[in-house]
């Protein structure tokens, strides 16, 4: 979408835009060019990460978001920084989903049980998994969430791991297989 198309669809002011979307989203692609640098940066600058995430939270709450969505986090420390920013800056519901690898762990090694304990202990309102793998591959991880979590569980898979073919992003699952 062009900037003009976004304005026409969502509205011209921040208030209209946030009310249309209903959520403020925090993801992990906001401050560093590569994932390895990003995770290393958070580990060295935890308080700064909380501060940066906080700015997003404050704006979302100010302009009428109904909830905060923290998603596609692949590190427990980074997830903790984002959730802490929410808890310190607003009282909106917060949903948190992490991106797991084929080994059933986050990129930095945390498993579902560790994340469930962390997220429930910090006061998330719903938790789960998103992106990374397809629905079948995420099934065992979601089973763990359903078994151990006392919170609502989120499942937002990809249609498999994305890859590039001839300059285009493609997925292993067709739309009908994904559905």
Foldseek 3Di string as FASTA:
>chain_A
DDPVVLCVVQNPDLLSNLVVVLEQEAEQPPDDDDPVVSVVCCVVCVVVLLVVLLVSLQSSVVSHRQEYEYAAAQDLSSQLSNLVSNVVRDDHAYEYAYEAELVQHRPVGHHLVVNLVSCVVSPHQEYEYAEAAAPVSCVVRVVVCVVPHPHHYDYHYDLGHWDDDPRDTDHDHDPVRRD
